[in-house]
Amino acid sequence: MKSSILFKAGIAGLVTSVLCCFTPILVILLGMIGLTAWVAYLDYLLMPALLFFLALTAFALTRKTND
């Protein structure tokens, strides 16, 4: 897989995770559709996703510099 594709996927996922973690986007959206009970479990999903996409971005950057 090309490192540029990995980098773009990492950045897109990282931005999405950061927006959902640090802004109330998901809280508002889940409240609008009646799933506010899921808000308590967002940290269990979003923090590992944030760490995964951060690691993916770092991996793509190191792979890009080695190519």
C-alpha atoms as a PDB file:
ATOM      1  CA  MET A   1       0.000   0.000   0.000  1.00  0.00           C
ATOM      2  CA  LYS A   2       1.331   3.430  -0.828  1.00  0.00           C
ATOM      3  CA  SER A   3       2.382   5.634   2.038  1.00  0.00           C
ATOM      4  CA  SER A   4       0.450   8.593   0.613  1.00  0.00           C
ATOM      5  CA  ILE A   5      -2.809   6.633   0.840  1.00  0.00           C
ATOM      6  CA  LEU A   6      -1.975   5.625   4.412  1.00  0.00           C
ATOM      7  CA  PHE A   7      -1.128   9.215   5.260  1.00  0.00           C
ATOM      8  CA  LYS A   8      -4.375  10.575   3.810  1.00  0.00           C
ATOM      9  CA  ALA A   9      -6.429   7.927   5.608  1.00  0.00           C
ATOM     10  CA  GLY A  10      -4.594   8.637   8.856  1.00  0.00           C
ATOM     11  CA  ILE A  11      -5.138  12.379   8.620  1.00  0.00           C
ATOM     12  CA  ALA A  12      -8.819  11.996   7.689  1.00  0.00           C
ATOM     13  CA  GLY A  13      -9.456   9.627  10.580  1.00  0.00           C
ATOM     14  CA  LEU A  14      -7.431  11.768  12.956  1.00  0.00           C
ATOM     15  CA  VAL A  15      -9.370  14.918  12.074  1.00  0.00           C
ATOM     16  CA  THR A  16     -12.675  13.088  12.402  1.00  0.00           C
ATOM     17  CA  SER A  17     -11.710  11.606  15.767  1.00  0.00           C
ATOM     18  CA  VAL A  18     -10.490  14.951  17.083  1.00  0.00           C
ATOM     19  CA  LEU A  19     -13.678  16.702  15.973  1.00  0.00           C
ATOM     20  CA  CYS A  20     -15.813  14.085  17.653  1.00  0.00           C
ATOM     21  CA  CYS A  21     -13.720  14.015  20.838  1.00  0.00           C
ATOM     22  CA  PHE A  22     -13.236  17.704  21.477  1.00  0.00           C
ATOM     23  CA  THR A  23     -16.449  19.130  20.079  1.00  0.00           C
ATOM     24  CA  PRO A  24     -19.972  18.041  20.913  1.00  0.00           C
ATOM     25  CA  ILE A  25     -20.767  16.940  17.351  1.00  0.00           C
ATOM     26  CA  LEU A  26     -21.627  13.360  18.244  1.00  0.00           C
ATOM     27  CA  VAL A  27     -23.471  14.372  21.411  1.00  0.00           C
ATOM     28  CA  ILE A  28     -25.717  16.682  19.400  1.00  0.00           C
ATOM     29  CA  LEU A  29     -26.230  14.166  16.587  1.00  0.00           C
ATOM     30  CA  LEU A  30     -27.001  11.297  18.955  1.00  0.00           C
ATOM     31  CA  GLY A  31     -29.359  13.542  20.905  1.00  0.00           C
ATOM     32  CA  MET A  32     -31.201  14.476  17.750  1.00  0.00           C
ATOM     33  CA  ILE A  33     -31.885  10.865  16.825  1.00  0.00           C
ATOM     34  CA  GLY A  34     -32.691   9.743  20.365  1.00  0.00           C
ATOM     35  CA  LEU A  35     -29.577   7.752  21.189  1.00  0.00           C
ATOM     36  CA  THR A  36     -28.293   9.801  24.108  1.00  0.00           C
ATOM     37  CA  ALA A  37     -27.649   6.653  26.145  1.00  0.00           C
ATOM     38  CA  TRP A  38     -24.708   5.942  23.821  1.00  0.00           C
ATOM     39  CA  VAL A  39     -22.989   9.197  24.789  1.00  0.00           C
ATOM     40  CA  ALA A  40     -21.558   7.561  27.911  1.00  0.00           C
ATOM     41  CA  TYR A  41     -19.685   5.030  25.766  1.00  0.00           C
ATOM     42  CA  LEU A  42     -18.176   7.473  23.260  1.00  0.00           C
ATOM     43  CA  ASP A  43     -14.863   7.672  25.126  1.00  0.00           C
ATOM     44  CA  TYR A  44     -14.407   3.911  24.845  1.00  0.00           C
ATOM     45  CA  LEU A  45     -14.666   4.186  21.073  1.00  0.00           C
ATOM     46  CA  LEU A  46     -13.196   7.556  20.200  1.00  0.00           C
ATOM     47  CA  MET A  47      -9.992   7.506  22.249  1.00  0.00           C
ATOM     48  CA  PRO A  48      -8.733   4.208  20.785  1.00  0.00           C
ATOM     49  CA  ALA A  49      -9.722   5.446  17.308  1.00  0.00           C
ATOM     50  CA  LEU A  50      -7.779   8.656  17.925  1.00  0.00           C
ATOM     51  CA  LEU A  51      -4.711   6.694  19.023  1.00  0.00           C
ATOM     52  CA  PHE A  52      -5.016   4.292  16.080  1.00  0.00           C
ATOM     53  CA  PHE A  53      -5.200   7.077  13.501  1.00  0.00           C
ATOM     54  CA  LEU A  54      -2.353   8.924  15.189  1.00  0.00           C
ATOM     55  CA  ALA A  55      -0.221   5.778  14.971  1.00  0.00           C
ATOM     56  CA  LEU A  56      -1.278   5.244  11.341  1.00  0.00           C
ATOM     57  CA  THR A  57      -0.256   8.797  10.468  1.00  0.00           C
ATOM     58  CA  ALA A  58       3.098   8.395  12.222  1.00  0.00           C
ATOM     59  CA  PHE A  59       3.676   5.084  10.435  1.00  0.00           C
ATOM     60  CA  ALA A  60       2.881   6.640   7.067  1.00  0.00           C
ATOM     61  CA  LEU A  61       5.227   9.547   7.760  1.00  0.00           C
ATOM     62  CA  THR A  62       8.103   7.258   8.722  1.00  0.00           C
ATOM     63  CA  ARG A  63       7.447   5.063   5.714  1.00  0.00           C
ATOM     64  CA  LYS A  64       7.311   8.106   3.433  1.00  0.00           C
ATOM     65  CA  THR A  65      10.684   9.383   4.690  1.00  0.00           C
ATOM     66  CA  ASN A  66      12.264   5.935   4.216  1.00  0.00           C
ATOM     67  CA  ASP A  67      11.095   5.627   0.581  1.00  0.00           C
END
